[in-house]
Amino acid sequence: MYKNHFKNKTVVITGSAGVLGAQLSKSFIESGARLILIDLDRKKMIESLGDSYKKFSKRLTLLDCNLQKPDEVIQALKILEKEDV
């Protein structure tokens, strides 16, 4: 991706602890984006980001959420609303 192409943009990625989600997350964060990452397991999200987690933690919001459970989705949406997404 282009360096700083996504500066001041917010990107939401679901399934961010998986292989594809992790690669997308790294690419977007290195392109200047602010990320909201959603997955079932916060620990796996952090592990999948590797060094990018520490380097860019100020531009990351991690949400534990099972998108198959409506109550968890509603809770995540409330958080996203506060994030001004």
C-alpha atoms as a PDB file:
ATOM      1  CA  MET A   1       0.000   0.000   0.000  1.00  0.00           C
ATOM      2  CA  TYR A   2       1.029   3.572  -0.423  1.00  0.00           C
ATOM      3  CA  LYS A   3       2.867   5.202   2.436  1.00  0.00           C
ATOM      4  CA  ASN A   4       0.580   7.685   4.231  1.00  0.00           C
ATOM      5  CA  HIS A   5      -2.211   6.990   1.728  1.00  0.00           C
ATOM      6  CA  PHE A   6      -4.559   6.186   4.604  1.00  0.00           C
ATOM      7  CA  LYS A   7      -3.319   8.874   6.988  1.00  0.00           C
ATOM      8  CA  ASN A   8      -6.181  10.226   9.131  1.00  0.00           C
ATOM      9  CA  LYS A   9      -8.509   7.478   7.857  1.00  0.00           C
ATOM     10  CA  THR A  10     -10.104   4.856  10.083  1.00  0.00           C
ATOM     11  CA  VAL A  11     -10.191   1.248   8.906  1.00  0.00           C
ATOM     12  CA  VAL A  12     -12.261  -1.472  10.603  1.00  0.00           C
ATOM     13  CA  ILE A  13     -11.031  -5.043  10.105  1.00  0.00           C
ATOM     14  CA  THR A  14     -12.959  -8.083  11.330  1.00  0.00           C
ATOM     15  CA  GLY A  15     -11.170 -11.395  11.729  1.00  0.00           C
ATOM     16  CA  SER A  16      -8.011  -9.446  12.422  1.00  0.00           C
ATOM     17  CA  ALA A  17      -6.245 -12.264  14.304  1.00  0.00           C
ATOM     18  CA  GLY A  18      -6.306 -14.516  11.238  1.00  0.00           C
ATOM     19  CA  VAL A  19      -3.591 -14.632   8.603  1.00  0.00           C
ATOM     20  CA  LEU A  20      -5.323 -12.355   6.095  1.00  0.00           C
ATOM     21  CA  GLY A  21      -6.642  -9.966   8.766  1.00  0.00           C
ATOM     22  CA  ALA A  22      -3.196  -9.651  10.321  1.00  0.00           C
ATOM     23  CA  GLN A  23      -1.552  -8.849   6.981  1.00  0.00           C
ATOM     24  CA  LEU A  24      -4.214  -6.285   6.143  1.00  0.00           C
ATOM     25  CA  SER A  25      -3.832  -4.731   9.586  1.00  0.00           C
ATOM     26  CA  LYS A  26      -0.084  -4.370   9.200  1.00  0.00           C
ATOM     27  CA  SER A  27      -0.410  -2.884   5.720  1.00  0.00           C
ATOM     28  CA  PHE A  28      -3.045  -0.348   6.738  1.00  0.00           C
ATOM     29  CA  ILE A  29      -1.288   0.719   9.940  1.00  0.00           C
ATOM     30  CA  GLU A  30       1.988   1.207   8.046  1.00  0.00           C
ATOM     31  CA  SER A  31       0.066   3.313   5.512  1.00  0.00           C
ATOM     32  CA  GLY A  32      -0.970   5.765   8.226  1.00  0.00           C
ATOM     33  CA  ALA A  33      -4.452   4.465   9.077  1.00  0.00           C
ATOM     34  CA  ARG A  34      -6.066   4.353  12.469  1.00  0.00           C
ATOM     35  CA  LEU A  35      -7.348   0.805  12.997  1.00  0.00           C
ATOM     36  CA  ILE A  36     -10.258  -0.733  14.797  1.00  0.00           C
ATOM     37  CA  LEU A  37      -9.605  -4.452  14.929  1.00  0.00           C
ATOM     38  CA  ILE A  38     -12.311  -6.966  15.755  1.00  0.00           C
ATOM     39  CA  ASP A  39     -11.820 -10.636  16.561  1.00  0.00           C
ATOM     40  CA  LEU A  40     -12.745 -13.249  19.139  1.00  0.00           C
ATOM     41  CA  ASP A  41      -9.381 -13.247  20.911  1.00  0.00           C
ATOM     42  CA  ARG A  42      -7.534 -10.073  21.946  1.00  0.00           C
ATOM     43  CA  LYS A  43      -4.340 -11.996  22.743  1.00  0.00           C
ATOM     44  CA  LYS A  44      -4.214 -13.444  19.222  1.00  0.00           C
ATOM     45  CA  MET A  45      -4.849  -9.998  17.739  1.00  0.00           C
ATOM     46  CA  ILE A  46      -1.846  -8.619  19.619  1.00  0.00           C
ATOM     47  CA  GLU A  47       0.327 -11.608  18.682  1.00  0.00           C
ATOM     48  CA  SER A  48      -0.648 -11.362  15.008  1.00  0.00           C
ATOM     49  CA  LEU A  49       0.439  -7.711  14.881  1.00  0.00           C
ATOM     50  CA  GLY A  50       3.881  -8.504  16.255  1.00  0.00           C
ATOM     51  CA  ASP A  51       6.113  -5.430  16.549  1.00  0.00           C
ATOM     52  CA  SER A  52       3.458  -3.259  14.897  1.00  0.00           C
ATOM     53  CA  TYR A  53       1.365  -3.496  18.070  1.00  0.00           C
ATOM     54  CA  LYS A  54       3.938  -1.690  20.193  1.00  0.00           C
ATOM     55  CA  LYS A  55       5.014   0.686  17.440  1.00  0.00           C
ATOM     56  CA  PHE A  56       1.501   1.847  16.522  1.00  0.00           C
ATOM     57  CA  SER A  57      -0.544   1.137  19.662  1.00  0.00           C
ATOM     58  CA  LYS A  58      -1.828   4.727  19.835  1.00  0.00           C
ATOM     59  CA  ARG A  59      -3.637   4.220  16.520  1.00  0.00           C
ATOM     60  CA  LEU A  60      -5.168   0.857  17.437  1.00  0.00           C
ATOM     61  CA  THR A  61      -8.459  -0.061  19.049  1.00  0.00           C
ATOM     62  CA  LEU A  62      -8.976  -3.764  19.722  1.00  0.00           C
ATOM     63  CA  LEU A  63     -12.471  -5.159  20.227  1.00  0.00           C
ATOM     64  CA  ASP A  64     -13.246  -8.675  21.411  1.00  0.00           C
ATOM     65  CA  CYS A  65     -16.410  -9.577  19.554  1.00  0.00           C
ATOM     66  CA  ASN A  66     -18.142 -12.630  18.160  1.00  0.00           C
ATOM     67  CA  LEU A  67     -20.026 -11.281  15.147  1.00  0.00           C
ATOM     68  CA  GLN A  68     -22.441 -14.227  15.350  1.00  0.00           C
ATOM     69  CA  LYS A  69     -23.758 -12.986  18.695  1.00  0.00           C
ATOM     70  CA  PRO A  70     -26.100  -9.984  18.342  1.00  0.00           C
ATOM     71  CA  ASP A  71     -25.506  -8.756  21.900  1.00  0.00           C
ATOM     72  CA  GLU A  72     -21.743  -8.599  21.305  1.00  0.00           C
ATOM     73  CA  VAL A  73     -22.251  -6.795  17.992  1.00  0.00           C
ATOM     74  CA  ILE A  74     -24.472  -4.209  19.694  1.00  0.00           C
ATOM     75  CA  GLN A  75     -21.822  -3.672  22.368  1.00  0.00           C
ATOM     76  CA  ALA A  76     -19.112  -3.271  19.703  1.00  0.00           C
ATOM     77  CA  LEU A  77     -21.263  -0.760  17.817  1.00  0.00           C
ATOM     78  CA  LYS A  78     -21.671   1.299  20.983  1.00  0.00           C
ATOM     79  CA  ILE A  79     -17.901   1.413  21.333  1.00  0.00           C
ATOM     80  CA  LEU A  80     -17.462   2.320  17.671  1.00  0.00           C
ATOM     81  CA  GLU A  81     -19.981   5.117  18.089  1.00  0.00           C
ATOM     82  CA  LYS A  82     -17.790   6.626  20.813  1.00  0.00           C
ATOM     83  CA  GLU A  83     -14.750   6.281  18.528  1.00  0.00           C
ATOM     84  CA  ASP A  84     -16.459   8.559  16.001  1.00  0.00           C
ATOM     85  CA  VAL A  85     -16.308   6.066  13.150  1.00  0.00           C
END
